[in-house]
Protein backbone atom coordinates (compact mmCIF):
# COMPACT_ATOMS: atom_id res chain seq x y z
CA MET A 1 -27.73 59.89 47.87
CA ALA A 2 -25.81 56.65 47.49
CA LYS A 3 -25.96 54.73 44.27
CA PRO A 4 -27.42 51.22 44.60
CA LYS A 5 -24.87 48.51 43.97
CA LEU A 6 -25.61 46.53 40.86
CA ARG A 7 -25.15 42.82 41.09
CA PRO A 8 -23.76 41.03 38.09
CA ARG A 9 -26.41 39.15 36.14
CA ARG A 10 -26.31 35.43 36.32
CA ASP A 11 -27.27 33.46 33.31
CA ALA A 12 -30.21 31.19 33.94
CA MET A 13 -29.19 27.57 34.05
CA VAL A 14 -31.04 25.43 31.57
CA PRO A 15 -31.76 21.94 32.93
CA SER A 16 -30.35 19.02 31.00
CA PRO A 17 -32.72 16.61 29.23
CA TYR A 18 -31.98 14.05 31.97
CA GLN A 19 -33.00 16.52 34.68
CA GLU A 20 -36.17 17.43 32.80
CA ALA A 21 -37.08 13.74 32.35
CA ARG A 22 -36.41 13.06 36.05
CA ASP A 23 -38.57 15.98 37.16
CA GLU A 24 -41.35 14.97 34.79
CA LEU A 25 -41.24 11.39 36.09
CA PHE A 26 -41.49 12.57 39.71
CA GLN A 27 -44.41 14.85 38.85
CA GLN A 28 -46.23 11.99 37.13
CA ILE A 29 -45.65 9.71 40.12
CA MET A 30 -47.22 12.27 42.45
CA GLN A 31 -50.13 13.07 40.12
CA CYS A 32 -51.02 9.50 39.16
CA GLY A 33 -51.13 8.08 42.68
CA VAL A 34 -48.47 5.44 42.08
CA ILE A 35 -47.13 5.72 45.63
CA GLY A 36 -48.35 2.80 47.69
CA CYS A 37 -49.88 0.86 44.76
CA HIS A 38 -49.56 -2.89 44.39
CA PRO A 39 -46.06 -3.78 43.04
CA GLU A 40 -47.49 -5.36 39.86
CA ASP A 41 -49.49 -2.21 39.13
CA GLN A 42 -46.40 -0.08 39.74
CA LYS A 43 -44.35 -2.24 37.36
CA GLU A 44 -46.98 -1.89 34.63
CA TRP A 45 -47.19 1.88 35.19
CA PHE A 46 -43.40 2.32 35.07
CA ASP A 47 -43.16 0.22 31.90
CA ALA A 48 -45.70 2.44 30.12
CA THR A 49 -44.33 5.70 31.51
CA LEU A 50 -40.75 4.95 30.54
CA VAL A 51 -41.85 4.15 26.98
CA TYR A 52 -43.51 7.56 26.95
CA LEU A 53 -40.37 9.25 28.33
CA GLN A 54 -38.20 7.49 25.73
CA ASP A 55 -40.38 9.05 23.02
CA ARG A 56 -40.14 12.50 24.64
CA TYR A 57 -36.39 12.36 25.35
CA PRO A 58 -34.76 10.32 22.56
CA GLU A 59 -31.36 11.90 23.31
CA LEU A 60 -31.06 10.00 26.60
CA LYS A 61 -29.12 6.74 26.77
CA ALA A 62 -30.54 3.39 27.86
CA SER A 63 -28.44 3.54 31.03
CA GLU A 64 -30.00 6.90 31.91
CA PHE A 65 -33.50 5.46 31.50
CA ALA A 66 -32.53 2.54 33.74
CA GLU A 67 -31.33 5.05 36.33
CA LEU A 68 -34.56 7.04 35.99
CA ARG A 69 -36.59 3.90 36.62
CA THR A 70 -34.56 3.08 39.73
CA LEU A 71 -35.00 6.63 41.06
CA GLY A 72 -38.72 6.55 40.27
CA GLU A 73 -39.26 3.20 41.96
CA ARG A 74 -37.50 4.44 45.09
CA PHE A 75 -39.53 7.65 45.00
CA ALA A 76 -42.77 5.66 44.72
CA GLN A 77 -42.09 3.61 47.84
CA PRO A 78 -44.31 4.51 50.79
CA ALA A 79 -42.63 6.37 53.62
CA LYS A 80 -41.02 4.14 56.21
CA ARG A 81 -42.37 4.42 59.70
CA GLN A 82 -39.97 4.64 62.55
CA GLU A 83 -40.71 2.33 65.44
CA PRO A 84 -40.61 4.02 68.83
CA ALA A 85 -37.46 3.15 70.72
CA ALA A 86 -37.97 0.71 73.56
CA VAL A 87 -36.88 2.20 76.87
């Protein structure tokens, strides 16, 4: 009977605080129905949510929060429809 080959254990990668904040922001966008809202409502929601994230992740820099907002705003845009090609 052959011995099973043991694979070396890989250490689990711990996400960085930035990655955790990004994932939490994306989850909140999906849960709160921000996608497709009026732009003024989205701005108000992002303002409040980023204040919340700054309290939860004080170790992040201001530039990282600006990047999170940009990513979140892009994520919250409705899907673009492709126009059928004219033949």
